[in-house]
Structures are given as C-alpha cells and as structure tokens.
Amino acid sequence: MSLQTEFDFTLPHGYVDAEGNIHKKGVMRLATANDEIAPMKDPRVQSNPGYLAIILLSRVIRRLGDLPQVNPRVIEEMFAADFAFLEEMYRRINANGDNRIAVACPECSANFQVEVQSSGEP
C-alpha cells in the first residue's frame, strides 16, 4: 500500500483567467508542516488571519487547468463556491488522507465511502 500525496479535483464553476479561459481541473497535494507554519510570517496573514486559507491553498494546489502557476492572486479571484470546495477538500485530505466521505444508501441503508466530486460533475 502506498501513500497518496496528490488528489485530482474539478471545481464547481472554475477559475476564469484574464483572457476568459475557464480552468476547472486541478491537483492538490497533501500539506506539510511548513505549509501551515510559513504563512504565519506573511504580513497579509498577520493583518488579516482570514487570509491564511488563501496562502495555504496557493501552496498546495499544484496545478489548475493550463495555468503556469497557482498563486494567492488566483485563489483571491475564485468564485466563493470554488474557494469553499477547495477549503473543504484541503480539510478532508489532510485529516483523512483521502478525498472520500461516508454515505448511506437511502433505500437499503448500506454504508460505503465515495470519492467527492464537484457539484457540476456526474
């Protein structure tokens, strides 16, 4: 059994770049201790603790569509639903080590786990 350190995702809406291109598919990696500690020195986080999530996500998102890089500005310009989706995914993969949630069948009550997808994906 190997450790999965990167997780694919599809944003519900997608990031729209300056040219109007929509970037929906991406990859997030597991966070390191440094990913969570280093942003605390950032003046934007010191003046506004809510900015921590923006810095964290910009550090752990390895790819988003065809963008050359994902920096804090990209995260700032995302739709709120996409930002919330990524925050929740960050919590899931770093707490559980996977991007699954437990569900129960409404008909037979069987319990199982499913991989989380965005609301726009089948």
C-alpha atoms as a PDB file:
ATOM      1  CA  MET A   1       0.000   0.000   0.000  1.00  0.00           C
ATOM      2  CA  SER A   2       1.413   3.402  -0.973  1.00  0.00           C
ATOM      3  CA  LEU A   3       0.700   6.842   0.393  1.00  0.00           C
ATOM      4  CA  GLN A   4      -1.347   9.034  -1.930  1.00  0.00           C
ATOM      5  CA  THR A   5       0.003  12.581  -1.761  1.00  0.00           C
ATOM      6  CA  GLU A   6      -1.809  14.198  -4.695  1.00  0.00           C
ATOM      7  CA  PHE A   7      -5.543  14.386  -5.372  1.00  0.00           C
ATOM      8  CA  ASP A   8      -7.380  15.408  -8.543  1.00  0.00           C
ATOM      9  CA  PHE A   9     -10.313  17.785  -8.347  1.00  0.00           C
ATOM     10  CA  THR A  10     -12.821  19.544 -10.562  1.00  0.00           C
ATOM     11  CA  LEU A  11     -14.068  22.945  -9.427  1.00  0.00           C
ATOM     12  CA  PRO A  12     -17.839  23.528  -9.401  1.00  0.00           C
ATOM     13  CA  HIS A  13     -17.558  26.714 -11.507  1.00  0.00           C
ATOM     14  CA  GLY A  14     -13.910  27.126 -12.470  1.00  0.00           C
ATOM     15  CA  TYR A  15     -11.367  29.915 -12.315  1.00  0.00           C
ATOM     16  CA  VAL A  16     -11.711  32.455 -15.138  1.00  0.00           C
ATOM     17  CA  ASP A  17      -8.363  33.928 -16.181  1.00  0.00           C
ATOM     18  CA  ALA A  18      -7.726  37.379 -17.711  1.00  0.00           C
ATOM     19  CA  GLU A  19      -8.312  36.026 -21.240  1.00  0.00           C
ATOM     20  CA  GLY A  20     -11.660  34.494 -20.263  1.00  0.00           C
ATOM     21  CA  ASN A  21     -10.424  30.872 -20.202  1.00  0.00           C
ATOM     22  CA  ILE A  22     -12.060  28.640 -17.595  1.00  0.00           C
ATOM     23  CA  HIS A  23      -9.799  26.352 -15.545  1.00  0.00           C
ATOM     24  CA  LYS A  24     -11.695  23.633 -13.648  1.00  0.00           C
ATOM     25  CA  LYS A  25      -9.476  20.558 -13.298  1.00  0.00           C
ATOM     26  CA  GLY A  26      -6.571  20.591 -10.908  1.00  0.00           C
ATOM     27  CA  VAL A  27      -4.399  18.720  -8.449  1.00  0.00           C
ATOM     28  CA  MET A  28      -3.948  19.361  -4.728  1.00  0.00           C
ATOM     29  CA  ARG A  29      -1.168  17.802  -2.676  1.00  0.00           C
ATOM     30  CA  LEU A  30      -1.054  16.965   0.998  1.00  0.00           C
ATOM     31  CA  ALA A  31       0.170  19.861   3.142  1.00  0.00           C
ATOM     32  CA  THR A  32       3.422  19.777   5.056  1.00  0.00           C
ATOM     33  CA  ALA A  33       4.006  21.300   8.474  1.00  0.00           C
ATOM     34  CA  ASN A  34       5.899  24.104   6.735  1.00  0.00           C
ATOM     35  CA  ASP A  35       2.880  24.826   4.522  1.00  0.00           C
ATOM     36  CA  GLU A  36       0.888  25.586   7.656  1.00  0.00           C
ATOM     37  CA  ILE A  37       3.633  27.404   9.597  1.00  0.00           C
ATOM     38  CA  ALA A  38       5.330  29.584   6.947  1.00  0.00           C
ATOM     39  CA  PRO A  39       2.229  31.649   6.071  1.00  0.00           C
ATOM     40  CA  MET A  40       2.029  32.859   9.671  1.00  0.00           C
ATOM     41  CA  LYS A  41       5.002  35.139   8.890  1.00  0.00           C
ATOM     42  CA  ASP A  42       3.219  36.664   5.888  1.00  0.00           C
ATOM     43  CA  PRO A  43       2.134  40.264   6.647  1.00  0.00           C
ATOM     44  CA  ARG A  44      -1.211  39.669   4.876  1.00  0.00           C
ATOM     45  CA  VAL A  45      -1.987  36.856   7.331  1.00  0.00           C
ATOM     46  CA  GLN A  46      -0.747  38.876  10.306  1.00  0.00           C
ATOM     47  CA  SER A  47      -3.050  41.765   9.443  1.00  0.00           C
ATOM     48  CA  ASN A  48      -5.972  39.511   8.444  1.00  0.00           C
ATOM     49  CA  PRO A  49      -5.974  35.905   9.788  1.00  0.00           C
ATOM     50  CA  GLY A  50      -8.673  35.014   7.250  1.00  0.00           C
ATOM     51  CA  TYR A  51      -6.012  35.327   4.540  1.00  0.00           C
ATOM     52  CA  LEU A  52      -4.325  32.166   5.848  1.00  0.00           C
ATOM     53  CA  ALA A  53      -6.603  29.923   3.758  1.00  0.00           C
ATOM     54  CA  ILE A  54      -5.646  31.798   0.578  1.00  0.00           C
ATOM     55  CA  ILE A  55      -1.926  31.343   1.227  1.00  0.00           C
ATOM     56  CA  LEU A  56      -2.365  27.681   2.210  1.00  0.00           C
ATOM     57  CA  LEU A  57      -4.336  26.818  -0.908  1.00  0.00           C
ATOM     58  CA  SER A  58      -1.864  28.629  -3.169  1.00  0.00           C
ATOM     59  CA  ARG A  59       0.911  26.481  -1.660  1.00  0.00           C
ATOM     60  CA  VAL A  60      -0.792  23.085  -2.024  1.00  0.00           C
ATOM     61  CA  ILE A  61      -2.576  23.399  -5.371  1.00  0.00           C
ATOM     62  CA  ARG A  62      -0.008  22.008  -7.780  1.00  0.00           C
ATOM     63  CA  ARG A  63      -1.990  22.535 -10.949  1.00  0.00           C
ATOM     64  CA  LEU A  64      -5.152  24.255 -12.118  1.00  0.00           C
ATOM     65  CA  GLY A  65      -6.047  23.856 -15.769  1.00  0.00           C
ATOM     66  CA  ASP A  66      -3.388  25.325 -18.049  1.00  0.00           C
ATOM     67  CA  LEU A  67      -2.206  27.994 -15.620  1.00  0.00           C
ATOM     68  CA  PRO A  68       1.586  28.214 -15.318  1.00  0.00           C
ATOM     69  CA  GLN A  69       1.253  28.630 -11.536  1.00  0.00           C
ATOM     70  CA  VAL A  70      -1.327  28.998  -8.799  1.00  0.00           C
ATOM     71  CA  ASN A  71      -0.501  31.994  -6.622  1.00  0.00           C
ATOM     72  CA  PRO A  72      -2.520  33.853  -3.962  1.00  0.00           C
ATOM     73  CA  ARG A  73      -3.984  36.185  -6.612  1.00  0.00           C
ATOM     74  CA  VAL A  74      -5.549  33.210  -8.431  1.00  0.00           C
ATOM     75  CA  ILE A  75      -7.145  31.993  -5.188  1.00  0.00           C
ATOM     76  CA  GLU A  76      -8.395  35.516  -4.372  1.00  0.00           C
ATOM     77  CA  GLU A  77     -10.190  35.749  -7.723  1.00  0.00           C
ATOM     78  CA  MET A  78     -12.007  32.405  -7.472  1.00  0.00           C
ATOM     79  CA  PHE A  79     -15.757  32.212  -7.089  1.00  0.00           C
ATOM     80  CA  ALA A  80     -16.804  31.709  -3.459  1.00  0.00           C
ATOM     81  CA  ALA A  81     -18.212  28.221  -4.205  1.00  0.00           C
ATOM     82  CA  ASP A  82     -14.879  27.098  -5.692  1.00  0.00           C
ATOM     83  CA  PHE A  83     -12.959  28.541  -2.748  1.00  0.00           C
ATOM     84  CA  ALA A  84     -15.256  26.742  -0.271  1.00  0.00           C
ATOM     85  CA  PHE A  85     -14.910  23.498  -2.259  1.00  0.00           C
ATOM     86  CA  LEU A  86     -11.103  23.714  -2.076  1.00  0.00           C
ATOM     87  CA  GLU A  87     -11.105  24.579   1.639  1.00  0.00           C
ATOM     88  CA  GLU A  88     -13.257  21.542   2.395  1.00  0.00           C
ATOM     89  CA  MET A  89     -11.118  19.305   0.197  1.00  0.00           C
ATOM     90  CA  TYR A  90      -7.974  20.574   1.984  1.00  0.00           C
ATOM     91  CA  ARG A  91      -9.517  19.643   5.347  1.00  0.00           C
ATOM     92  CA  ARG A  92     -10.590  16.195   4.129  1.00  0.00           C
ATOM     93  CA  ILE A  93      -7.326  15.103   2.531  1.00  0.00           C
ATOM     94  CA  ASN A  94      -5.148  16.424   5.343  1.00  0.00           C
ATOM     95  CA  ALA A  95      -7.303  14.977   8.130  1.00  0.00           C
ATOM     96  CA  ASN A  96      -8.269  11.676   6.494  1.00  0.00           C
ATOM     97  CA  GLY A  97      -5.542  11.109   3.918  1.00  0.00           C
ATOM     98  CA  ASP A  98      -8.158  10.743   1.184  1.00  0.00           C
ATOM     99  CA  ASN A  99     -10.944  12.661  -0.525  1.00  0.00           C
ATOM    100  CA  ARG A 100     -13.793  10.346   0.473  1.00  0.00           C
ATOM    101  CA  ILE A 101     -16.853  10.764   2.624  1.00  0.00           C
ATOM    102  CA  ALA A 102     -19.044   8.156   4.300  1.00  0.00           C
ATOM    103  CA  VAL A 103     -22.555   7.829   2.883  1.00  0.00           C
ATOM    104  CA  ALA A 104     -25.546   5.556   3.394  1.00  0.00           C
ATOM    105  CA  CYS A 105     -27.888   4.239   0.721  1.00  0.00           C
ATOM    106  CA  PRO A 106     -31.346   5.742   1.319  1.00  0.00           C
ATOM    107  CA  GLU A 107     -33.041   2.531   0.127  1.00  0.00           C
ATOM    108  CA  CYS A 108     -31.076  -0.276   1.792  1.00  0.00           C
ATOM    109  CA  SER A 109     -29.137   1.699   4.473  1.00  0.00           C
ATOM    110  CA  ALA A 110     -25.833   0.138   3.354  1.00  0.00           C
ATOM    111  CA  ASN A 111     -22.834   2.264   4.385  1.00  0.00           C
ATOM    112  CA  PHE A 112     -19.980   2.944   1.983  1.00  0.00           C
ATOM    113  CA  GLN A 113     -17.483   5.626   1.010  1.00  0.00           C
ATOM    114  CA  VAL A 114     -17.455   7.682  -2.166  1.00  0.00           C
ATOM    115  CA  GLU A 115     -14.858   9.937  -3.747  1.00  0.00           C
ATOM    116  CA  VAL A 116     -16.008  13.555  -3.546  1.00  0.00           C
ATOM    117  CA  GLN A 117     -16.679  15.310  -6.851  1.00  0.00           C
ATOM    118  CA  SER A 118     -17.735  18.872  -7.513  1.00  0.00           C
ATOM    119  CA  SER A 119     -21.444  19.588  -7.783  1.00  0.00           C
ATOM    120  CA  GLY A 120     -21.060  20.083 -11.535  1.00  0.00           C
ATOM    121  CA  GLU A 121     -19.651  16.627 -12.242  1.00  0.00           C
ATOM    122  CA  PRO A 122     -21.644  13.406 -12.739  1.00  0.00           C
END
